[in-house]
Amino acid sequence: ATSYYLQVLFPLFAKLEPGAQVPAKGETPPLNSAAHVLLLATAAEFRLVSFSLHVLRDYLAVHELVASAGPQSPVAAAVLGQLTPNVVMLLQGILAFHEPQFARHLQGFYPLFVELMNTESLQIRQTLRDIFSNKISAVLQQRQM
């Protein structure tokens, strides 16, 4: 279910391009108009970010449980294995954020990114490497200017 939800939210959020004029609150644009799509994208942003934070926190909680329980918790290890592809998809989606979108939400994601670097998943760590080298470095360079 997680992957389907992300597959819906990421494309909607991607339609919210930098500089786009979102309709004013209370304004109801015609269905399927560009303004309507932007309104949906704005709603998707809140849902996507809050859901993503929730998924990353849950993954880290299960990871901590597996690390502390060891082989005595095969169910938690299985859950971790099933969550990993969703976390990778989520991180790849975050990597595709437009720079202003990424910068706006970096404060919430950054501590989780740092914690995720300690996971055993090579795919997660590789995606995080790309996030740190491509996105976070660009945000830091922009702030130094």
N, C-alpha and C. Protein backbone atom coordinates (compact mmCIF):
# COMPACT_ATOMS: atom_id res chain seq x y z
N ALA A 1 0.82 -1.19 0.00
CA ALA A 1 0.00 0.00 0.00
C ALA A 1 0.87 1.26 0.00
N THR A 2 2.00 1.19 0.70
CA THR A 2 2.90 2.34 0.78
C THR A 2 3.39 2.75 -0.59
N SER A 3 3.82 1.77 -1.38
CA SER A 3 4.37 2.11 -2.70
C SER A 3 3.30 2.71 -3.61
N TYR A 4 2.06 2.24 -3.52
CA TYR A 4 0.99 2.80 -4.35
C TYR A 4 0.71 4.26 -3.97
N TYR A 5 0.68 4.50 -2.67
CA TYR A 5 0.43 5.85 -2.19
C TYR A 5 1.53 6.79 -2.68
N LEU A 6 2.77 6.34 -2.59
CA LEU A 6 3.89 7.17 -3.05
C LEU A 6 3.84 7.37 -4.57
N GLN A 7 3.41 6.34 -5.30
CA GLN A 7 3.31 6.44 -6.75
C GLN A 7 2.26 7.46 -7.18
N VAL A 8 1.30 7.72 -6.33
CA VAL A 8 0.29 8.74 -6.62
C VAL A 8 0.79 10.12 -6.20
N LEU A 9 1.38 10.21 -5.00
CA LEU A 9 1.78 11.50 -4.46
C LEU A 9 2.97 12.14 -5.17
N PHE A 10 3.99 11.35 -5.51
CA PHE A 10 5.18 11.94 -6.13
C PHE A 10 4.87 12.63 -7.46
N PRO A 11 4.14 12.00 -8.39
CA PRO A 11 3.83 12.71 -9.65
C PRO A 11 2.98 13.97 -9.44
N LEU A 12 2.05 13.91 -8.48
CA LEU A 12 1.25 15.11 -8.20
C LEU A 12 2.14 16.23 -7.67
N PHE A 13 2.99 15.90 -6.72
CA PHE A 13 3.88 16.89 -6.12
C PHE A 13 4.84 17.47 -7.16
N ALA A 14 5.26 16.66 -8.12
CA ALA A 14 6.19 17.12 -9.16
C ALA A 14 5.56 18.21 -10.04
N LYS A 15 4.24 18.26 -10.09
CA LYS A 15 3.56 19.28 -10.89
C LYS A 15 3.64 20.67 -10.24
N LEU A 16 4.04 20.70 -8.97
CA LEU A 16 4.17 21.96 -8.25
C LEU A 16 5.57 22.52 -8.51
N GLU A 17 5.73 23.13 -9.65
CA GLU A 17 7.04 23.62 -10.07
C GLU A 17 7.33 24.96 -9.41
N PRO A 18 8.62 25.27 -9.22
CA PRO A 18 8.99 26.54 -8.60
C PRO A 18 8.39 27.72 -9.37
N GLY A 19 7.85 28.66 -8.62
CA GLY A 19 7.27 29.86 -9.22
C GLY A 19 5.83 29.71 -9.68
N ALA A 20 5.26 28.53 -9.55
CA ALA A 20 3.87 28.32 -9.98
C ALA A 20 2.93 29.11 -9.07
N GLN A 21 1.91 29.70 -9.67
CA GLN A 21 0.93 30.48 -8.92
C GLN A 21 -0.22 29.57 -8.49
N VAL A 22 -0.24 29.28 -7.20
CA VAL A 22 -1.28 28.42 -6.65
C VAL A 22 -2.53 29.27 -6.42
N PRO A 23 -3.73 28.75 -6.74
CA PRO A 23 -4.96 29.51 -6.52
C PRO A 23 -5.11 29.91 -5.05
N ALA A 24 -5.73 31.04 -4.81
CA ALA A 24 -5.95 31.52 -3.45
C ALA A 24 -6.89 30.59 -2.71
N LYS A 25 -6.76 30.59 -1.37
CA LYS A 25 -7.64 29.75 -0.55
C LYS A 25 -9.09 30.15 -0.79
N GLY A 26 -9.94 29.15 -0.86
CA GLY A 26 -11.36 29.39 -1.08
C GLY A 26 -11.73 29.48 -2.55
N GLU A 27 -10.74 29.63 -3.42
CA GLU A 27 -10.98 29.69 -4.86
C GLU A 27 -11.12 28.26 -5.39
N THR A 28 -12.13 28.01 -6.19
CA THR A 28 -12.34 26.68 -6.75
C THR A 28 -12.16 26.75 -8.26
N PRO A 29 -10.99 26.34 -8.74
CA PRO A 29 -10.75 26.38 -10.19
C PRO A 29 -11.53 25.27 -10.90
N PRO A 30 -11.77 25.42 -12.20
CA PRO A 30 -12.48 24.39 -12.95
C PRO A 30 -11.71 23.06 -12.92
N LEU A 31 -12.44 21.97 -12.87
CA LEU A 31 -11.82 20.66 -12.86
C LEU A 31 -10.92 20.47 -14.07
N ASN A 32 -9.79 19.85 -13.84
CA ASN A 32 -8.81 19.50 -14.87
C ASN A 32 -8.10 20.72 -15.48
N SER A 33 -8.30 21.89 -14.89
CA SER A 33 -7.57 23.07 -15.37
C SER A 33 -6.18 23.05 -14.74
N ALA A 34 -5.30 23.88 -15.26
CA ALA A 34 -3.94 23.97 -14.71
C ALA A 34 -3.99 24.41 -13.25
N ALA A 35 -4.88 25.33 -12.93
CA ALA A 35 -5.01 25.80 -11.55
C ALA A 35 -5.50 24.68 -10.63
N HIS A 36 -6.38 23.84 -11.14
CA HIS A 36 -6.89 22.71 -10.36
C HIS A 36 -5.77 21.71 -10.07
N VAL A 37 -4.95 21.45 -11.05
CA VAL A 37 -3.82 20.54 -10.88
C VAL A 37 -2.85 21.10 -9.84
N LEU A 38 -2.60 22.41 -9.89
CA LEU A 38 -1.72 23.03 -8.90
C LEU A 38 -2.31 22.95 -7.49
N LEU A 39 -3.61 23.07 -7.38
CA LEU A 39 -4.27 22.94 -6.08
C LEU A 39 -4.10 21.53 -5.54
N LEU A 40 -4.25 20.53 -6.40
CA LEU A 40 -4.03 19.13 -5.99
C LEU A 40 -2.57 18.89 -5.62
N ALA A 41 -1.66 19.49 -6.36
CA ALA A 41 -0.24 19.33 -6.07
C ALA A 41 0.12 19.92 -4.72
N THR A 42 -0.49 21.04 -4.38
CA THR A 42 -0.25 21.66 -3.08
C THR A 42 -0.74 20.75 -1.95
N ALA A 43 -1.90 20.15 -2.13
CA ALA A 43 -2.41 19.22 -1.13
C ALA A 43 -1.52 17.98 -1.05
N ALA A 44 -1.03 17.55 -2.18
CA ALA A 44 -0.15 16.37 -2.21
C ALA A 44 1.15 16.63 -1.48
N GLU A 45 1.64 17.88 -1.52
CA GLU A 45 2.90 18.20 -0.85
C GLU A 45 2.80 17.91 0.65
N PHE A 46 1.77 18.41 1.29
CA PHE A 46 1.61 18.19 2.73
C PHE A 46 1.51 16.70 3.04
N ARG A 47 0.69 16.00 2.28
CA ARG A 47 0.49 14.57 2.52
C ARG A 47 1.78 13.78 2.27
N LEU A 48 2.48 14.12 1.21
CA LEU A 48 3.71 13.42 0.86
C LEU A 48 4.78 13.60 1.92
N VAL A 49 4.99 14.82 2.34
CA VAL A 49 6.05 15.09 3.32
C VAL A 49 5.71 14.44 4.66
N SER A 50 4.48 14.60 5.13
CA SER A 50 4.13 14.01 6.42
C SER A 50 4.17 12.48 6.35
N PHE A 51 3.69 11.90 5.27
CA PHE A 51 3.73 10.45 5.11
C PHE A 51 5.17 9.95 5.02
N SER A 52 6.01 10.66 4.30
CA SER A 52 7.42 10.28 4.15
C SER A 52 8.14 10.29 5.49
N LEU A 53 7.91 11.33 6.26
CA LEU A 53 8.52 11.40 7.60
C LEU A 53 8.06 10.23 8.46
N HIS A 54 6.79 9.91 8.37
CA HIS A 54 6.23 8.79 9.14
C HIS A 54 6.88 7.46 8.72
N VAL A 55 7.00 7.23 7.42
CA VAL A 55 7.60 5.99 6.92
C VAL A 55 9.06 5.88 7.35
N LEU A 56 9.80 6.96 7.24
CA LEU A 56 11.22 6.93 7.63
C LEU A 56 11.38 6.68 9.13
N ARG A 57 10.54 7.30 9.93
CA ARG A 57 10.60 7.07 11.39
C ARG A 57 10.26 5.62 11.72
N ASP A 58 9.23 5.08 11.06
CA ASP A 58 8.86 3.68 11.30
C ASP A 58 9.98 2.73 10.90
N TYR A 59 10.60 3.01 9.76
CA TYR A 59 11.70 2.17 9.30
C TYR A 59 12.84 2.18 10.32
N LEU A 60 13.17 3.36 10.81
CA LEU A 60 14.25 3.47 11.79
C LEU A 60 13.89 2.77 13.10
N ALA A 61 12.62 2.81 13.50
CA ALA A 61 12.19 2.12 14.72
C ALA A 61 12.32 0.61 14.55
N VAL A 62 11.91 0.09 13.39
CA VAL A 62 12.04 -1.35 13.13
C VAL A 62 13.51 -1.73 13.03
N HIS A 63 14.30 -0.87 12.39
CA HIS A 63 15.74 -1.14 12.28
C HIS A 63 16.38 -1.23 13.67
N GLU A 64 16.00 -0.32 14.56
CA GLU A 64 16.54 -0.34 15.92
C GLU A 64 16.10 -1.60 16.66
N LEU A 65 14.86 -2.02 16.45
CA LEU A 65 14.36 -3.25 17.08
C LEU A 65 15.15 -4.47 16.60
N VAL A 66 15.39 -4.54 15.31
CA VAL A 66 16.15 -5.65 14.74
C VAL A 66 17.58 -5.63 15.27
N ALA A 67 18.18 -4.45 15.34
CA ALA A 67 19.56 -4.34 15.81
C ALA A 67 19.69 -4.74 17.28
N SER A 68 18.69 -4.38 18.07
CA SER A 68 18.77 -4.70 19.50
C SER A 68 18.36 -6.13 19.81
N ALA A 69 17.39 -6.68 19.06
CA ALA A 69 16.91 -8.04 19.33
C ALA A 69 17.74 -9.11 18.64
N GLY A 70 18.39 -8.73 17.55
CA GLY A 70 19.21 -9.70 16.82
C GLY A 70 18.38 -10.80 16.20
N PRO A 71 18.92 -12.01 16.18
CA PRO A 71 18.23 -13.12 15.52
C PRO A 71 16.97 -13.59 16.27
N GLN A 72 16.73 -13.04 17.45
CA GLN A 72 15.54 -13.44 18.21
C GLN A 72 14.27 -12.78 17.68
N SER A 73 14.40 -11.93 16.71
CA SER A 73 13.24 -11.24 16.16
C SER A 73 13.15 -11.42 14.65
N PRO A 74 12.84 -12.64 14.19
CA PRO A 74 12.76 -12.86 12.74
C PRO A 74 11.61 -12.10 12.08
N VAL A 75 10.54 -11.86 12.82
CA VAL A 75 9.41 -11.12 12.25
C VAL A 75 9.81 -9.68 11.96
N ALA A 76 10.50 -9.05 12.91
CA ALA A 76 10.95 -7.67 12.70
C ALA A 76 11.94 -7.59 11.53
N ALA A 77 12.81 -8.59 11.42
CA ALA A 77 13.76 -8.61 10.31
C ALA A 77 13.02 -8.74 8.97
N ALA A 78 11.96 -9.55 8.95
CA ALA A 78 11.17 -9.70 7.72
C ALA A 78 10.45 -8.40 7.38
N VAL A 79 9.92 -7.72 8.38
CA VAL A 79 9.26 -6.43 8.16
C VAL A 79 10.26 -5.41 7.62
N LEU A 80 11.45 -5.41 8.19
CA LEU A 80 12.50 -4.50 7.73
C LEU A 80 12.83 -4.77 6.25
N GLY A 81 12.92 -6.04 5.90
CA GLY A 81 13.19 -6.40 4.51
C GLY A 81 12.10 -5.96 3.56
N GLN A 82 10.86 -5.99 4.03
CA GLN A 82 9.75 -5.56 3.18
C GLN A 82 9.64 -4.04 3.10
N LEU A 83 10.07 -3.35 4.15
CA LEU A 83 10.01 -1.88 4.14
C LEU A 83 11.14 -1.25 3.32
N THR A 84 12.26 -1.94 3.22
CA THR A 84 13.44 -1.36 2.56
C THR A 84 13.16 -0.88 1.13
N PRO A 85 12.52 -1.67 0.25
CA PRO A 85 12.26 -1.15 -1.11
C PRO A 85 11.39 0.11 -1.11
N ASN A 86 10.45 0.20 -0.17
CA ASN A 86 9.61 1.40 -0.08
C ASN A 86 10.42 2.61 0.35
N VAL A 87 11.35 2.40 1.27
CA VAL A 87 12.21 3.50 1.73
C VAL A 87 13.13 3.94 0.60
N VAL A 88 13.65 3.00 -0.16
CA VAL A 88 14.49 3.35 -1.31
C VAL A 88 13.68 4.17 -2.32
N MET A 89 12.46 3.73 -2.63
CA MET A 89 11.60 4.47 -3.57
C MET A 89 11.31 5.87 -3.03
N LEU A 90 11.06 5.96 -1.74
CA LEU A 90 10.77 7.25 -1.12
C LEU A 90 11.99 8.17 -1.22
N LEU A 91 13.16 7.66 -0.90
CA LEU A 91 14.38 8.48 -0.98
C LEU A 91 14.69 8.90 -2.41
N GLN A 92 14.44 8.02 -3.38
CA GLN A 92 14.65 8.38 -4.78
C GLN A 92 13.66 9.46 -5.20
N GLY A 93 12.45 9.40 -4.67
CA GLY A 93 11.47 10.45 -4.95
C GLY A 93 11.90 11.78 -4.36
N ILE A 94 12.44 11.74 -3.14
CA ILE A 94 12.94 12.97 -2.51
C ILE A 94 14.10 13.53 -3.31
N LEU A 95 14.93 12.66 -3.83
CA LEU A 95 16.05 13.08 -4.67
C LEU A 95 15.56 13.82 -5.92
N ALA A 96 14.36 13.51 -6.38
CA ALA A 96 13.80 14.15 -7.58
C ALA A 96 13.07 15.46 -7.28
N PHE A 97 12.97 15.85 -6.01
CA PHE A 97 12.32 17.12 -5.67
C PHE A 97 13.04 18.26 -6.39
N HIS A 98 12.28 19.29 -6.75
CA HIS A 98 12.89 20.52 -7.24
C HIS A 98 13.68 21.13 -6.07
N GLU A 99 14.73 21.87 -6.39
CA GLU A 99 15.60 22.40 -5.33
C GLU A 99 14.85 23.23 -4.28
N PRO A 100 13.94 24.14 -4.66
CA PRO A 100 13.22 24.89 -3.61
C PRO A 100 12.36 23.98 -2.73
N GLN A 101 11.75 22.96 -3.33
CA GLN A 101 10.94 22.02 -2.55
C GLN A 101 11.83 21.27 -1.56
N PHE A 102 12.98 20.81 -2.05
CA PHE A 102 13.89 20.07 -1.20
C PHE A 102 14.38 20.95 -0.05
N ALA A 103 14.78 22.17 -0.35
CA ALA A 103 15.29 23.08 0.68
C ALA A 103 14.21 23.39 1.73
N ARG A 104 12.96 23.52 1.28
CA ARG A 104 11.86 23.83 2.20
C ARG A 104 11.65 22.72 3.23
N HIS A 105 11.90 21.48 2.85
CA HIS A 105 11.62 20.34 3.74
C HIS A 105 12.87 19.69 4.32
N LEU A 106 14.04 20.23 4.00
CA LEU A 106 15.29 19.62 4.44
C LEU A 106 15.39 19.55 5.97
N GLN A 107 14.93 20.56 6.66
CA GLN A 107 15.04 20.59 8.11
C GLN A 107 14.35 19.38 8.75
N GLY A 108 13.24 18.95 8.22
CA GLY A 108 12.55 17.78 8.76
C GLY A 108 13.20 16.47 8.38
N PHE A 109 13.74 16.41 7.16
CA PHE A 109 14.31 15.16 6.67
C PHE A 109 15.75 14.91 7.13
N TYR A 110 16.52 15.97 7.31
CA TYR A 110 17.96 15.82 7.54
C TYR A 110 18.30 14.88 8.71
N PRO A 111 17.70 15.05 9.89
CA PRO A 111 18.06 14.13 10.99
C PRO A 111 17.76 12.66 10.66
N LEU A 112 16.73 12.43 9.90
CA LEU A 112 16.39 11.06 9.52
C LEU A 112 17.39 10.52 8.49
N PHE A 113 17.82 11.38 7.57
CA PHE A 113 18.85 10.97 6.61
C PHE A 113 20.12 10.53 7.34
N VAL A 114 20.51 11.30 8.33
CA VAL A 114 21.72 10.98 9.09
C VAL A 114 21.56 9.64 9.80
N GLU A 115 20.42 9.42 10.42
CA GLU A 115 20.18 8.14 11.10
C GLU A 115 20.15 6.97 10.11
N LEU A 116 19.59 7.21 8.94
CA LEU A 116 19.50 6.14 7.94
C LEU A 116 20.86 5.71 7.41
N MET A 117 21.85 6.57 7.55
CA MET A 117 23.20 6.21 7.09
C MET A 117 23.75 5.00 7.86
N ASN A 118 23.17 4.71 9.03
CA ASN A 118 23.63 3.59 9.85
C ASN A 118 22.93 2.28 9.53
N THR A 119 22.06 2.26 8.55
CA THR A 119 21.37 1.02 8.20
C THR A 119 22.28 0.11 7.39
N GLU A 120 21.93 -1.16 7.35
CA GLU A 120 22.74 -2.12 6.60
C GLU A 120 22.42 -2.13 5.11
N SER A 121 21.34 -1.51 4.72
CA SER A 121 20.91 -1.54 3.33
C SER A 121 21.83 -0.70 2.44
N LEU A 122 22.49 -1.37 1.53
CA LEU A 122 23.37 -0.68 0.59
C LEU A 122 22.58 0.26 -0.32
N GLN A 123 21.38 -0.17 -0.75
CA GLN A 123 20.56 0.68 -1.62
C GLN A 123 20.18 1.98 -0.93
N ILE A 124 19.81 1.89 0.34
CA ILE A 124 19.45 3.10 1.08
C ILE A 124 20.66 4.01 1.21
N ARG A 125 21.79 3.46 1.56
CA ARG A 125 23.00 4.28 1.74
C ARG A 125 23.45 4.91 0.42
N GLN A 126 23.32 4.18 -0.69
CA GLN A 126 23.69 4.74 -2.00
C GLN A 126 22.77 5.90 -2.38
N THR A 127 21.49 5.74 -2.13
CA THR A 127 20.54 6.81 -2.44
C THR A 127 20.80 8.02 -1.55
N LEU A 128 21.10 7.76 -0.28
CA LEU A 128 21.44 8.86 0.63
C LEU A 128 22.72 9.57 0.19
N ARG A 129 23.68 8.82 -0.32
CA ARG A 129 24.91 9.42 -0.84
C ARG A 129 24.56 10.41 -1.96
N ASP A 130 23.66 10.00 -2.84
CA ASP A 130 23.24 10.89 -3.92
C ASP A 130 22.51 12.12 -3.39
N ILE A 131 21.68 11.93 -2.37
CA ILE A 131 20.97 13.05 -1.77
C ILE A 131 21.96 14.03 -1.15
N PHE A 132 22.92 13.51 -0.40
CA PHE A 132 23.91 14.39 0.23
C PHE A 132 24.78 15.09 -0.81
N SER A 133 25.23 14.36 -1.82
CA SER A 133 26.15 14.97 -2.79
C SER A 133 25.44 15.89 -3.79
N ASN A 134 24.23 15.55 -4.19
CA ASN A 134 23.54 16.34 -5.21
C ASN A 134 22.61 17.41 -4.64
N LYS A 135 21.88 17.07 -3.62
CA LYS A 135 20.85 17.98 -3.12
C LYS A 135 21.32 18.81 -1.94
N ILE A 136 21.81 18.15 -0.91
CA ILE A 136 22.19 18.89 0.30
C ILE A 136 23.37 19.82 0.01
N SER A 137 24.32 19.35 -0.77
CA SER A 137 25.47 20.21 -1.10
C SER A 137 25.00 21.43 -1.90
N ALA A 138 24.03 21.26 -2.78
CA ALA A 138 23.51 22.39 -3.57
C ALA A 138 22.80 23.40 -2.66
N VAL A 139 22.05 22.90 -1.68
CA VAL A 139 21.36 23.79 -0.74
C VAL A 139 22.38 24.57 0.08
N LEU A 140 23.41 23.88 0.56
CA LEU A 140 24.44 24.55 1.36
C LEU A 140 25.20 25.59 0.54
N GLN A 141 25.50 25.27 -0.70
CA GLN A 141 26.19 26.23 -1.57
C GLN A 141 25.32 27.45 -1.81
N GLN A 142 24.03 27.22 -2.00
CA GLN A 142 23.09 28.32 -2.24
C GLN A 142 23.01 29.23 -1.03
N ARG A 143 23.05 28.67 0.16
CA ARG A 143 22.95 29.48 1.38
C ARG A 143 24.22 30.26 1.65
N GLN A 144 25.35 29.81 1.11
CA GLN A 144 26.61 30.52 1.32
C GLN A 144 26.73 31.74 0.41
N MET A 145 25.94 31.79 -0.63
CA MET A 145 26.05 32.89 -1.59
C MET A 145 25.46 34.16 -1.03
